Amino acid sequence: MPKVNFEMPAPLSAEQAFTKIQTFLNSDNHFKKLDPKVSATFDQSNKSCQINGSQFKADLKIKPNNDTCSVAIEVDIPFALALFKGKIKEEIEKAFKKVLT
């Protein structure tokens, strides 16, 4: 499966970012509208999350950096969606920027 990998900075502590992402992914969000089978499994101690949908799988890891952090995201997508990697990345970044500010 093709992968979409990127990292984005967040102006929050790792704990704050993890809590906000966890709240977002457990709510009725944009991703659940696109794929109702989306589910997330959280690992509080490692500040990570595994997201599974019917068409994709994603791993998310929050990396502390002093008073701020960054969020590393890796998404496995089917070959049929490989041409849309840029758009997929853009949509994920847009959603998480709203959550992390």
Protein backbone atom coordinates (compact mmCIF):
# COMPACT_ATOMS: atom_id res chain seq x y z
CA MET A 1 0.00 0.00 0.00
CA PRO A 2 1.24 3.52 -0.72
CA LYS A 3 1.98 5.70 2.29
CA VAL A 4 1.46 9.36 3.08
CA ASN A 5 4.05 10.47 5.67
CA PHE A 6 4.38 13.90 7.19
CA GLU A 7 5.00 15.74 10.44
CA MET A 8 3.37 18.92 11.60
CA PRO A 9 4.34 21.23 14.48
CA ALA A 10 1.88 22.01 17.27
CA PRO A 11 2.09 24.98 19.66
CA LEU A 12 0.95 22.76 22.56
CA SER A 13 2.57 20.40 25.02
CA ALA A 14 2.52 16.74 24.05
CA GLU A 15 -0.11 16.05 26.73
CA GLN A 16 -2.39 18.86 25.52
CA ALA A 17 -2.03 17.80 21.89
CA PHE A 18 -2.77 14.15 22.72
CA THR A 19 -5.90 15.10 24.70
CA LYS A 20 -7.20 17.34 21.91
CA ILE A 21 -6.56 14.71 19.23
CA GLN A 22 -8.19 12.01 21.35
CA THR A 23 -11.29 14.17 21.90
CA PHE A 24 -11.46 15.00 18.18
CA LEU A 25 -11.11 11.40 16.99
CA ASN A 26 -13.69 10.14 19.52
CA SER A 27 -16.27 12.70 18.36
CA ASP A 28 -18.35 12.84 15.18
CA ASN A 29 -15.66 14.31 12.96
CA HIS A 30 -14.95 14.90 9.28
CA PHE A 31 -13.19 11.54 8.90
CA LYS A 32 -16.20 9.60 10.20
CA LYS A 33 -18.39 11.34 7.63
CA LEU A 34 -16.08 10.07 4.88
CA ASP A 35 -15.73 6.58 6.36
CA PRO A 36 -18.27 5.58 9.05
CA LYS A 37 -16.12 2.57 10.01
CA VAL A 38 -13.24 4.73 11.30
CA SER A 39 -12.06 3.71 14.76
CA ALA A 40 -9.12 4.86 16.86
CA THR A 41 -7.05 3.08 19.49
CA PHE A 42 -5.02 5.29 21.81
CA ASP A 43 -1.82 4.61 23.75
CA GLN A 44 -1.64 7.27 26.46
CA SER A 45 1.83 6.32 27.72
CA ASN A 46 3.43 6.59 24.26
CA LYS A 47 1.23 9.48 23.08
CA SER A 48 0.29 7.55 19.99
CA CYS A 49 -2.81 6.45 18.16
CA GLN A 50 -3.71 3.88 15.56
CA ILE A 51 -6.62 4.73 13.27
CA ASN A 52 -8.37 2.13 11.14
CA GLY A 53 -10.94 2.68 8.43
CA SER A 54 -12.41 0.57 5.68
CA GLN A 55 -10.01 2.05 3.08
CA PHE A 56 -6.98 3.11 5.12
CA LYS A 57 -4.86 2.63 8.22
CA ALA A 58 -2.98 5.42 9.99
CA ASP A 59 -0.46 5.77 12.80
CA LEU A 60 -0.09 8.98 14.71
CA LYS A 61 2.72 9.76 17.17
CA ILE A 62 3.16 12.91 19.23
CA LYS A 63 6.80 13.90 19.71
CA PRO A 64 7.55 16.28 22.61
CA ASN A 65 9.89 19.20 21.94
CA ASN A 66 10.37 21.32 25.11
CA ASP A 67 7.11 23.29 25.58
CA THR A 68 5.70 22.33 22.18
CA CYS A 69 5.44 19.14 20.15
CA SER A 70 5.07 17.77 16.66
CA VAL A 71 2.64 15.21 15.32
CA ALA A 72 4.01 12.52 13.00
CA ILE A 73 1.38 10.94 10.78
CA GLU A 74 1.72 7.92 8.52
CA VAL A 75 -1.28 6.83 6.44
CA ASP A 76 -1.50 3.62 4.41
CA ILE A 77 -3.87 4.08 1.49
CA PRO A 78 -5.00 1.66 -1.24
CA PHE A 79 -3.33 1.84 -4.65
CA ALA A 80 -6.58 3.19 -6.13
CA LEU A 81 -6.14 6.36 -4.06
CA ALA A 82 -2.40 6.83 -4.70
CA LEU A 83 -3.05 9.64 -7.18
CA PHE A 84 -4.80 11.58 -4.41
CA LYS A 85 -1.94 11.46 -1.87
CA GLY A 86 -1.54 15.25 -1.96
CA LYS A 87 -5.22 15.89 -1.38
CA ILE A 88 -5.36 13.32 1.41
CA LYS A 89 -2.40 14.97 3.17
CA GLU A 90 -3.99 18.40 2.71
CA GLU A 91 -7.30 17.28 4.26
CA ILE A 92 -5.58 15.66 7.25
CA GLU A 93 -3.39 18.72 7.85
CA LYS A 94 -6.40 21.04 7.66
CA ALA A 95 -8.36 18.97 10.19
CA PHE A 96 -5.49 18.66 12.66
CA LYS A 97 -4.48 22.33 12.39
CA LYS A 98 -7.96 23.27 13.61
CA VAL A 99 -7.67 20.82 16.49
CA LEU A 100 -4.14 21.80 17.54
CA THR A 101 -4.55 25.59 17.68
